[in-house]
Amino acid sequence: MLIAYDSKTGNVRRFVKKLGLPSVEIAGDMVIEEPFVLVTYTTGFGQVPEKVTAFLRSNHRYLRGVAASGNRNWGASFAKSADTIAREYGVPIISKFELSGTIRDVEHFTSGVARIAAY
């Protein structure tokens, strides 16, 4: 399954590269016409990045799941963008990971994607 992602500091990009799955970085007026999983970061006090919000307006039809990066120092706002997107679009949260993720985070994410792809 395709991974669509957005990365501000490079953490999400590094995480996605560890996956070894087909991926595309969100850009401009991009349109995706196949099932995909979104990986994003969280900005501010738990907000979805504006670029991701704009992307989802025209691409939510094929969205199958979401994951988010964050920093645990933010407490309840840790990777909260995943909660917001999951609630708004009715998709599962595959994972939340800190910074660029660990090997365990990668394994958890890839097994979650495999479950969604098999459905």
N, C-alpha and C. Protein backbone atom coordinates (compact mmCIF):
# COMPACT_ATOMS: atom_id res chain seq x y z
N MET A 1 0.85 -1.19 0.00
CA MET A 1 0.00 0.00 0.00
C MET A 1 0.88 1.23 0.00
N LEU A 2 0.43 2.24 -0.70
CA LEU A 2 1.17 3.49 -0.82
C LEU A 2 1.16 4.25 0.51
N ILE A 3 2.30 4.85 0.84
CA ILE A 3 2.42 5.72 2.01
C ILE A 3 2.56 7.15 1.50
N ALA A 4 1.63 8.02 1.88
CA ALA A 4 1.72 9.45 1.58
C ALA A 4 2.16 10.12 2.87
N TYR A 5 3.13 11.01 2.80
CA TYR A 5 3.63 11.61 4.03
C TYR A 5 4.00 13.07 3.87
N ASP A 6 4.06 13.73 5.02
CA ASP A 6 4.55 15.10 5.08
C ASP A 6 5.53 15.17 6.24
N SER A 7 6.63 15.87 6.03
CA SER A 7 7.68 15.95 7.04
C SER A 7 8.19 17.38 7.12
N LYS A 8 8.24 17.91 8.32
CA LYS A 8 8.72 19.28 8.51
C LYS A 8 10.21 19.31 8.86
N THR A 9 10.60 18.49 9.82
CA THR A 9 11.99 18.49 10.29
C THR A 9 12.82 17.33 9.75
N GLY A 10 12.18 16.42 9.03
CA GLY A 10 12.88 15.25 8.50
C GLY A 10 12.60 13.97 9.27
N ASN A 11 11.98 14.07 10.45
CA ASN A 11 11.71 12.87 11.24
C ASN A 11 10.76 11.91 10.52
N VAL A 12 9.67 12.42 9.99
CA VAL A 12 8.71 11.56 9.28
C VAL A 12 9.37 10.97 8.04
N ARG A 13 10.12 11.77 7.31
CA ARG A 13 10.82 11.28 6.11
C ARG A 13 11.76 10.13 6.48
N ARG A 14 12.52 10.26 7.56
CA ARG A 14 13.43 9.19 8.00
C ARG A 14 12.64 7.94 8.38
N PHE A 15 11.50 8.12 9.07
CA PHE A 15 10.66 6.99 9.44
C PHE A 15 10.17 6.25 8.19
N VAL A 16 9.66 7.00 7.24
CA VAL A 16 9.11 6.39 6.01
C VAL A 16 10.20 5.65 5.24
N LYS A 17 11.40 6.19 5.20
CA LYS A 17 12.49 5.51 4.49
C LYS A 17 12.82 4.17 5.13
N LYS A 18 12.66 4.06 6.45
CA LYS A 18 12.92 2.79 7.14
C LYS A 18 11.91 1.71 6.76
N LEU A 19 10.75 2.11 6.28
CA LEU A 19 9.67 1.17 6.00
C LEU A 19 9.94 0.29 4.78
N GLY A 20 10.60 0.85 3.78
CA GLY A 20 10.83 0.10 2.55
C GLY A 20 9.56 -0.14 1.74
N LEU A 21 8.55 0.71 1.93
CA LEU A 21 7.28 0.61 1.22
C LEU A 21 7.20 1.73 0.19
N PRO A 22 6.37 1.55 -0.84
CA PRO A 22 6.19 2.65 -1.81
C PRO A 22 5.69 3.90 -1.09
N SER A 23 6.30 5.04 -1.40
CA SER A 23 5.91 6.26 -0.69
C SER A 23 6.01 7.46 -1.60
N VAL A 24 5.26 8.50 -1.21
CA VAL A 24 5.28 9.76 -1.93
C VAL A 24 5.12 10.88 -0.91
N GLU A 25 5.95 11.92 -1.06
CA GLU A 25 5.82 13.08 -0.18
C GLU A 25 4.75 14.01 -0.74
N ILE A 26 3.86 14.46 0.12
CA ILE A 26 2.77 15.35 -0.28
C ILE A 26 3.35 16.63 -0.89
N ALA A 27 2.77 17.02 -2.03
CA ALA A 27 3.23 18.24 -2.70
C ALA A 27 2.07 18.91 -3.40
N GLY A 28 2.00 20.22 -3.26
CA GLY A 28 1.06 21.05 -4.01
C GLY A 28 -0.34 20.49 -4.18
N ASP A 29 -0.77 20.43 -5.43
CA ASP A 29 -2.11 19.97 -5.76
C ASP A 29 -2.13 18.48 -6.10
N MET A 30 -1.28 17.71 -5.45
CA MET A 30 -1.18 16.28 -5.70
C MET A 30 -2.52 15.58 -5.52
N VAL A 31 -2.80 14.65 -6.42
CA VAL A 31 -4.00 13.82 -6.31
C VAL A 31 -3.56 12.36 -6.32
N ILE A 32 -4.04 11.62 -5.34
CA ILE A 32 -3.74 10.19 -5.25
C ILE A 32 -5.03 9.43 -5.52
N GLU A 33 -4.97 8.52 -6.46
CA GLU A 33 -6.16 7.77 -6.86
C GLU A 33 -5.98 6.28 -6.62
N GLU A 34 -5.46 5.95 -5.46
CA GLU A 34 -5.31 4.56 -5.02
C GLU A 34 -5.30 4.57 -3.50
N PRO A 35 -5.61 3.45 -2.87
CA PRO A 35 -5.60 3.42 -1.41
C PRO A 35 -4.22 3.80 -0.86
N PHE A 36 -4.23 4.60 0.22
CA PHE A 36 -2.96 5.01 0.84
C PHE A 36 -3.14 5.18 2.34
N VAL A 37 -2.00 5.16 3.00
CA VAL A 37 -1.93 5.44 4.43
C VAL A 37 -1.15 6.75 4.57
N LEU A 38 -1.62 7.61 5.44
CA LEU A 38 -0.98 8.91 5.67
C LEU A 38 -0.08 8.86 6.90
N VAL A 39 1.13 9.40 6.76
CA VAL A 39 2.03 9.58 7.90
C VAL A 39 2.36 11.06 7.96
N THR A 40 2.12 11.67 9.12
CA THR A 40 2.33 13.10 9.26
C THR A 40 2.98 13.43 10.60
N TYR A 41 3.30 14.66 10.77
CA TYR A 41 3.78 15.16 12.06
C TYR A 41 2.64 15.93 12.71
N THR A 42 2.85 16.35 13.92
CA THR A 42 1.88 17.17 14.64
C THR A 42 2.52 18.53 14.85
N THR A 43 1.75 19.58 14.69
CA THR A 43 2.30 20.92 14.82
C THR A 43 1.59 21.68 15.95
N GLY A 44 2.21 22.75 16.39
CA GLY A 44 1.60 23.58 17.44
C GLY A 44 1.28 22.77 18.68
N PHE A 45 0.07 22.90 19.15
CA PHE A 45 -0.37 22.20 20.36
C PHE A 45 -1.27 21.03 20.01
N GLY A 46 -0.85 20.25 18.99
CA GLY A 46 -1.61 19.07 18.60
C GLY A 46 -2.38 19.22 17.31
N GLN A 47 -2.07 20.22 16.51
CA GLN A 47 -2.82 20.47 15.28
C GLN A 47 -2.27 19.64 14.11
N VAL A 48 -3.17 19.45 13.13
CA VAL A 48 -2.79 18.85 11.85
C VAL A 48 -2.13 19.94 11.02
N PRO A 49 -0.98 19.66 10.39
CA PRO A 49 -0.35 20.68 9.54
C PRO A 49 -1.29 21.13 8.43
N GLU A 50 -1.26 22.39 8.10
CA GLU A 50 -2.15 22.96 7.07
C GLU A 50 -1.96 22.26 5.72
N LYS A 51 -0.73 21.94 5.36
CA LYS A 51 -0.47 21.26 4.09
C LYS A 51 -1.19 19.91 4.04
N VAL A 52 -1.23 19.21 5.16
CA VAL A 52 -1.91 17.91 5.25
C VAL A 52 -3.42 18.11 5.17
N THR A 53 -3.93 19.11 5.86
CA THR A 53 -5.36 19.42 5.81
C THR A 53 -5.80 19.70 4.38
N ALA A 54 -5.03 20.51 3.66
CA ALA A 54 -5.35 20.83 2.27
C ALA A 54 -5.28 19.59 1.40
N PHE A 55 -4.28 18.77 1.60
CA PHE A 55 -4.13 17.52 0.83
C PHE A 55 -5.33 16.60 1.04
N LEU A 56 -5.77 16.47 2.28
CA LEU A 56 -6.87 15.56 2.60
C LEU A 56 -8.21 16.05 2.03
N ARG A 57 -8.36 17.34 1.87
CA ARG A 57 -9.61 17.86 1.29
C ARG A 57 -9.91 17.20 -0.06
N SER A 58 -8.87 16.98 -0.86
CA SER A 58 -9.09 16.40 -2.19
C SER A 58 -8.64 14.95 -2.30
N ASN A 59 -8.10 14.37 -1.23
CA ASN A 59 -7.58 13.00 -1.32
C ASN A 59 -8.12 12.05 -0.25
N HIS A 60 -9.08 12.47 0.54
CA HIS A 60 -9.53 11.62 1.65
C HIS A 60 -10.26 10.36 1.18
N ARG A 61 -10.74 10.37 -0.05
CA ARG A 61 -11.51 9.23 -0.56
C ARG A 61 -10.75 7.90 -0.44
N TYR A 62 -9.45 7.92 -0.67
CA TYR A 62 -8.65 6.70 -0.65
C TYR A 62 -7.84 6.53 0.64
N LEU A 63 -8.02 7.42 1.58
CA LEU A 63 -7.32 7.32 2.86
C LEU A 63 -7.79 6.08 3.62
N ARG A 64 -6.85 5.23 4.04
CA ARG A 64 -7.20 3.98 4.72
C ARG A 64 -6.72 3.92 6.17
N GLY A 65 -5.81 4.81 6.55
CA GLY A 65 -5.30 4.82 7.91
C GLY A 65 -4.33 5.97 8.08
N VAL A 66 -3.97 6.25 9.33
CA VAL A 66 -3.09 7.38 9.62
C VAL A 66 -2.11 7.02 10.73
N ALA A 67 -0.93 7.61 10.66
CA ALA A 67 0.07 7.52 11.71
C ALA A 67 0.68 8.90 11.88
N ALA A 68 1.18 9.17 13.08
CA ALA A 68 1.76 10.50 13.31
C ALA A 68 3.00 10.41 14.19
N SER A 69 3.89 11.34 13.92
CA SER A 69 5.10 11.52 14.72
C SER A 69 4.85 12.64 15.72
N GLY A 70 5.54 12.59 16.82
CA GLY A 70 5.43 13.64 17.81
C GLY A 70 6.55 13.54 18.83
N ASN A 71 6.43 14.32 19.86
CA ASN A 71 7.40 14.32 20.95
C ASN A 71 6.61 14.10 22.24
N ARG A 72 6.98 13.10 23.00
CA ARG A 72 6.23 12.75 24.21
C ARG A 72 6.25 13.86 25.26
N ASN A 73 7.13 14.83 25.12
CA ASN A 73 7.15 15.96 26.04
C ASN A 73 5.84 16.76 25.98
N TRP A 74 5.07 16.59 24.91
CA TRP A 74 3.81 17.31 24.74
C TRP A 74 2.66 16.63 25.46
N GLY A 75 2.92 15.54 26.15
CA GLY A 75 1.89 14.88 26.96
C GLY A 75 0.69 14.46 26.14
N ALA A 76 -0.50 14.92 26.53
CA ALA A 76 -1.74 14.52 25.87
C ALA A 76 -1.80 14.98 24.41
N SER A 77 -0.97 15.93 24.03
CA SER A 77 -0.95 16.40 22.63
C SER A 77 0.03 15.61 21.77
N PHE A 78 0.68 14.60 22.34
CA PHE A 78 1.63 13.78 21.59
C PHE A 78 0.96 13.16 20.36
N ALA A 79 1.48 13.47 19.18
CA ALA A 79 1.00 12.91 17.92
C ALA A 79 -0.52 13.04 17.76
N LYS A 80 -1.06 14.10 18.30
CA LYS A 80 -2.52 14.30 18.32
C LYS A 80 -3.11 14.49 16.93
N SER A 81 -2.31 14.86 15.96
CA SER A 81 -2.84 15.01 14.60
C SER A 81 -3.46 13.70 14.11
N ALA A 82 -2.91 12.56 14.53
CA ALA A 82 -3.48 11.26 14.14
C ALA A 82 -4.89 11.11 14.69
N ASP A 83 -5.11 11.53 15.93
CA ASP A 83 -6.44 11.46 16.53
C ASP A 83 -7.45 12.30 15.75
N THR A 84 -7.04 13.50 15.40
CA THR A 84 -7.92 14.43 14.68
C THR A 84 -8.28 13.88 13.31
N ILE A 85 -7.29 13.41 12.57
CA ILE A 85 -7.53 12.88 11.23
C ILE A 85 -8.38 11.61 11.30
N ALA A 86 -8.08 10.73 12.22
CA ALA A 86 -8.85 9.48 12.37
C ALA A 86 -10.31 9.77 12.66
N ARG A 87 -10.55 10.71 13.54
CA ARG A 87 -11.92 11.08 13.90
C ARG A 87 -12.65 11.74 12.73
N GLU A 88 -11.96 12.65 12.05
CA GLU A 88 -12.60 13.40 10.97
C GLU A 88 -12.91 12.53 9.75
N TYR A 89 -12.05 11.56 9.46
CA TYR A 89 -12.22 10.77 8.24
C TYR A 89 -12.63 9.31 8.50
N GLY A 90 -12.79 8.94 9.75
CA GLY A 90 -13.26 7.59 10.06
C GLY A 90 -12.29 6.49 9.68
N VAL A 91 -11.00 6.74 9.88
CA VAL A 91 -9.98 5.74 9.58
C VAL A 91 -9.24 5.37 10.86
N PRO A 92 -8.61 4.19 10.88
CA PRO A 92 -7.89 3.79 12.09
C PRO A 92 -6.54 4.50 12.24
N ILE A 93 -6.14 4.66 13.49
CA ILE A 93 -4.78 5.12 13.79
C ILE A 93 -3.90 3.88 13.77
N ILE A 94 -2.94 3.86 12.88
CA ILE A 94 -2.05 2.71 12.77
C ILE A 94 -1.00 2.78 13.86
N SER A 95 -0.44 3.96 14.08
CA SER A 95 0.55 4.11 15.14
C SER A 95 0.85 5.58 15.40
N LYS A 96 1.45 5.78 16.55
CA LYS A 96 2.03 7.07 16.92
C LYS A 96 3.45 6.75 17.33
N PHE A 97 4.39 7.57 16.87
CA PHE A 97 5.79 7.30 17.18
C PHE A 97 6.50 8.60 17.51
N GLU A 98 7.56 8.46 18.28
CA GLU A 98 8.31 9.64 18.69
C GLU A 98 9.43 9.90 17.70
N LEU A 99 9.54 11.17 17.31
CA LEU A 99 10.58 11.64 16.42
C LEU A 99 10.60 10.82 15.14
N SER A 100 11.69 10.06 14.84
CA SER A 100 11.73 9.27 13.61
C SER A 100 11.48 7.79 13.86
N GLY A 101 11.02 7.46 15.04
CA GLY A 101 10.61 6.09 15.34
C GLY A 101 11.76 5.13 15.60
N THR A 102 11.41 4.03 16.24
CA THR A 102 12.36 2.97 16.55
C THR A 102 12.10 1.77 15.63
N ILE A 103 12.92 0.77 15.72
CA ILE A 103 12.70 -0.46 14.95
C ILE A 103 11.35 -1.06 15.33
N ARG A 104 11.03 -1.04 16.60
CA ARG A 104 9.74 -1.56 17.06
C ARG A 104 8.58 -0.76 16.46
N ASP A 105 8.73 0.57 16.37
CA ASP A 105 7.70 1.41 15.76
C ASP A 105 7.50 1.03 14.29
N VAL A 106 8.60 0.79 13.59
CA VAL A 106 8.53 0.40 12.17
C VAL A 106 7.80 -0.93 12.04
N GLU A 107 8.12 -1.90 12.88
CA GLU A 107 7.47 -3.20 12.84
C GLU A 107 5.98 -3.08 13.13
N HIS A 108 5.64 -2.29 14.13
CA HIS A 108 4.23 -2.08 14.48
C HIS A 108 3.47 -1.44 13.32
N PHE A 109 4.07 -0.44 12.70
CA PHE A 109 3.44 0.25 11.59
C PHE A 109 3.25 -0.69 10.40
N THR A 110 4.29 -1.40 10.01
CA THR A 110 4.19 -2.27 8.83
C THR A 110 3.17 -3.39 9.04
N SER A 111 3.06 -3.91 10.25
CA SER A 111 2.04 -4.93 10.49
C SER A 111 0.64 -4.31 10.44
N GLY A 112 0.49 -3.09 10.90
CA GLY A 112 -0.79 -2.39 10.81
C GLY A 112 -1.19 -2.13 9.37
N VAL A 113 -0.24 -1.73 8.54
CA VAL A 113 -0.52 -1.50 7.12
C VAL A 113 -0.91 -2.82 6.45
N ALA A 114 -0.20 -3.88 6.80
CA ALA A 114 -0.51 -5.20 6.21
C ALA A 114 -1.94 -5.62 6.55
N ARG A 115 -2.37 -5.37 7.79
CA ARG A 115 -3.75 -5.71 8.19
C ARG A 115 -4.76 -4.91 7.37
N ILE A 116 -4.49 -3.62 7.18
CA ILE A 116 -5.39 -2.78 6.40
C ILE A 116 -5.41 -3.22 4.94
N ALA A 117 -4.25 -3.51 4.38
CA ALA A 117 -4.16 -3.92 2.97
C ALA A 117 -4.88 -5.24 2.73
N ALA A 118 -4.89 -6.12 3.74
CA ALA A 118 -5.54 -7.43 3.60
C ALA A 118 -7.05 -7.33 3.72
N TYR A 119 -7.54 -6.23 4.28
CA TYR A 119 -8.97 -6.07 4.50
C TYR A 119 -9.66 -5.78 3.27
